[in-house]
Protein backbone atom coordinates (compact mmCIF):
# COMPACT_ATOMS: atom_id res chain seq x y z
CA MET A 1 5.34 -14.55 3.81
CA LYS A 2 8.43 -13.40 2.39
CA LEU A 3 10.28 -12.32 -0.64
CA THR A 4 13.70 -13.92 -0.30
CA THR A 5 16.88 -12.22 -1.80
CA LYS A 6 16.64 -14.30 -4.90
CA GLY A 7 13.64 -12.59 -6.12
CA ARG A 8 14.96 -9.10 -4.92
CA PHE A 9 18.40 -9.40 -6.39
CA ALA A 10 16.60 -10.32 -9.76
CA VAL A 11 14.55 -7.53 -9.73
CA THR A 12 17.54 -5.31 -8.77
CA ALA A 13 19.64 -6.72 -11.37
CA MET A 14 17.00 -6.53 -14.29
CA LEU A 15 16.49 -2.89 -13.35
CA ASP A 16 20.23 -2.29 -13.42
CA ILE A 17 20.06 -3.44 -17.13
CA ALA A 18 16.79 -1.51 -18.12
CA LEU A 19 18.47 1.79 -16.46
CA ASN A 20 21.60 1.18 -18.64
CA GLU A 21 19.53 0.22 -22.03
CA HIS A 22 17.59 3.57 -21.16
CA GLN A 23 20.66 5.82 -20.88
CA HIS A 24 21.91 4.58 -24.03
CA ALA A 25 19.09 4.40 -26.09
CA ASP A 26 19.89 2.76 -29.35
CA ASN A 27 23.37 2.41 -29.02
CA CYS A 28 23.30 0.07 -25.77
CA PRO A 29 26.53 -2.21 -24.78
CA PRO A 30 25.77 -5.24 -22.71
CA VAL A 31 26.29 -5.24 -19.27
CA SER A 32 28.25 -7.21 -17.47
CA LEU A 33 27.55 -9.51 -14.48
CA ALA A 34 30.85 -8.01 -12.87
CA ASP A 35 29.60 -4.52 -13.45
CA ILE A 36 25.98 -5.34 -11.79
CA SER A 37 27.89 -6.87 -8.90
CA GLU A 38 29.82 -4.03 -8.41
CA ARG A 39 27.36 -1.47 -8.50
CA GLN A 40 24.58 -3.47 -7.07
CA HIS A 41 26.77 -5.25 -4.28
CA ILE A 42 25.37 -8.57 -5.21
CA SER A 43 27.76 -11.61 -5.48
CA LEU A 44 28.84 -12.27 -9.05
CA SER A 45 28.31 -16.24 -8.43
CA TYR A 46 24.53 -15.71 -7.25
CA LEU A 47 24.10 -13.13 -10.14
CA GLU A 48 25.27 -16.03 -12.58
CA GLN A 49 22.89 -18.30 -11.03
CA LEU A 50 19.88 -15.83 -11.21
CA PHE A 51 20.89 -14.92 -14.87
CA GLY A 52 20.94 -18.52 -16.09
CA LYS A 53 17.33 -18.64 -14.95
CA LEU A 54 16.37 -15.46 -16.59
CA ARG A 55 17.97 -16.29 -19.40
CA ARG A 56 16.08 -20.07 -20.01
CA LYS A 57 12.87 -18.01 -19.30
CA GLY A 58 13.65 -15.72 -21.80
CA LEU A 59 13.86 -12.27 -20.00
CA VAL A 60 17.82 -11.51 -21.17
CA THR A 61 19.87 -12.49 -23.74
CA SER A 62 23.54 -13.11 -23.60
CA ILE A 63 26.66 -11.71 -25.64
CA ARG A 64 29.61 -13.71 -25.45
CA GLY A 65 33.13 -12.34 -25.79
CA PRO A 66 35.06 -9.27 -25.36
CA GLY A 67 32.58 -6.35 -24.25
CA GLY A 68 29.71 -8.87 -23.70
CA GLY A 69 27.07 -9.38 -21.16
CA TYR A 70 23.26 -9.33 -20.93
CA GLN A 71 20.64 -7.42 -22.46
CA LEU A 72 17.06 -7.23 -21.88
CA ALA A 73 15.14 -9.84 -24.08
CA HIS A 74 12.24 -7.33 -24.74
CA LYS A 75 11.34 -3.80 -24.36
CA ALA A 76 11.33 -2.80 -20.46
CA GLU A 77 7.62 -1.97 -20.76
CA THR A 78 6.63 -5.45 -21.46
CA ILE A 79 8.56 -7.03 -18.70
CA SER A 80 6.72 -7.17 -15.14
CA VAL A 81 8.16 -7.39 -11.78
CA SER A 82 6.46 -10.76 -11.39
CA GLN A 83 7.61 -12.10 -14.51
CA ILE A 84 11.06 -11.76 -13.08
CA ILE A 85 10.42 -13.15 -9.63
CA SER A 86 8.48 -16.04 -11.19
CA ALA A 87 11.64 -16.53 -13.78
CA VAL A 88 13.78 -17.20 -10.64
CA ASP A 89 11.51 -19.76 -9.32
CA GLU A 90 10.28 -17.34 -6.18
CA GLN A 91 7.03 -18.07 -4.93
CA ILE A 92 5.04 -15.37 -3.16
CA ASP A 93 2.64 -17.04 -0.96
CA ALA A 94 0.93 -15.94 2.48
CA THR A 95 -0.91 -19.20 2.91
CA GLN A 96 0.53 -21.72 5.40
CA CYS A 97 -0.07 -24.57 2.96
CA GLY A 98 1.62 -23.10 -0.41
CA GLY A 99 -1.99 -22.88 -1.72
CA ASN A 100 -2.84 -26.49 -1.46
CA GLN A 101 -5.82 -25.73 0.86
CA ASN A 102 -4.53 -28.54 3.21
CA CYS A 103 -3.62 -26.12 5.95
CA SER A 104 -5.34 -28.41 8.71
CA GLU A 105 -6.26 -32.09 8.69
CA GLU A 106 -9.78 -30.92 8.04
CA GLY A 107 -8.69 -29.04 4.74
CA PRO A 108 -8.34 -25.06 4.74
CA CYS A 109 -7.58 -23.36 7.99
CA MET A 110 -10.05 -20.92 9.09
CA THR A 111 -8.06 -17.83 7.34
CA HIS A 112 -7.12 -19.83 3.90
CA GLU A 113 -9.19 -17.37 1.79
CA LEU A 114 -7.65 -14.44 3.59
CA TRP A 115 -4.25 -15.23 2.64
CA ALA A 116 -5.04 -16.38 -0.66
CA SER A 117 -6.81 -13.21 -1.31
CA LEU A 118 -3.58 -11.41 -0.33
CA ASN A 119 -1.58 -13.59 -2.84
CA GLN A 120 -3.63 -12.52 -5.73
CA LYS A 121 -3.49 -8.84 -4.73
CA ILE A 122 0.31 -8.95 -4.42
CA LEU A 123 0.51 -10.90 -7.99
CA ALA A 124 -1.88 -8.15 -9.48
CA TYR A 125 0.37 -5.63 -7.90
CA LEU A 126 3.67 -6.76 -9.16
CA SER A 127 2.12 -7.85 -12.59
CA GLY A 128 1.23 -4.31 -13.17
CA ILE A 129 4.58 -2.42 -12.33
CA SER A 130 7.00 -2.77 -15.69
CA LEU A 131 10.73 -2.34 -15.72
CA GLN A 132 10.00 0.75 -17.40
CA ASP A 133 7.90 1.74 -14.56
CA MET A 134 10.49 1.35 -12.35
CA VAL A 135 13.23 3.12 -14.81
CA LEU A 136 10.77 6.21 -14.64
CA SER A 137 10.69 6.01 -11.08
CA GLN A 138 14.41 6.19 -10.73
CA GLU A 139 14.64 9.01 -13.10
CA ASN A 140 12.22 11.40 -11.24
CA ASP A 141 12.73 9.67 -7.76
CA THR A 142 9.24 8.98 -6.97
CA HIS A 143 7.19 6.04 -6.08
CA VAL A 144 6.45 3.48 -8.86
CA ILE A 145 2.72 2.83 -7.97
CA ASN A 146 0.88 3.67 -4.86
CA PRO A 147 -2.10 1.44 -4.07
CA PRO A 148 -5.30 2.94 -4.48
CA THR A 149 -6.72 2.10 -1.17
CA MET A 150 -3.50 3.83 0.48
CA HIS A 151 -4.50 7.30 -1.23
CA ALA A 152 -7.73 7.55 0.49
CA LEU A 153 -6.53 6.84 3.89
CA SER A 154 -3.70 9.03 5.68
CA PRO A 155 -1.38 7.16 8.24
CA GLU A 156 -3.54 8.91 10.77
CA LYS A 157 -6.57 7.51 9.70
CA ILE A 158 -5.23 4.30 9.00
CA VAL A 159 -3.84 4.25 12.80
CA ASN A 160 -7.06 5.32 14.42
CA SER A 161 -9.08 2.81 12.34
CA ALA A 162 -7.02 0.10 13.57
CA VAL A 163 -7.44 1.11 17.37
CA LYS A 164 -11.24 1.36 16.71
CA GLN A 165 -11.34 -2.27 15.66
CA THR A 166 -9.14 -3.44 18.59
CA VAL A 167 -11.28 -1.53 21.32
């Protein structure tokens, strides 16, 4: 399972716009793709492809003409990371079969439910993070969201637990 550059770049570019809107509050100029390209080191032609999809899915609006560019179509707190990834046709799937339960000739493989469950956890996690959460994490230089299970276990406990299970 891997998130490709398509999803990563779309989230990065949307965060760039959200940060711009947050900094300028009520008098926010649209952000040009050239500016995002320069700041985030993403190819302009790649951004054009991504923003075509983001616009069609209603996550951004475009403003034409001099001083034109893109703005968020909704408030940052209402746009989740999972919406952005989905808008650019990115699939996060840990199963070998794409969720079709045909991993082997007999149907689902022995570990299908494990990977399907992981998909659900990842989707829930990304659905719980908004652009606003990410803006605040950039401002405060903090983590966006720490998974609850990781709070309870220190890295040492995780390693010790893994060692015990392999012995």
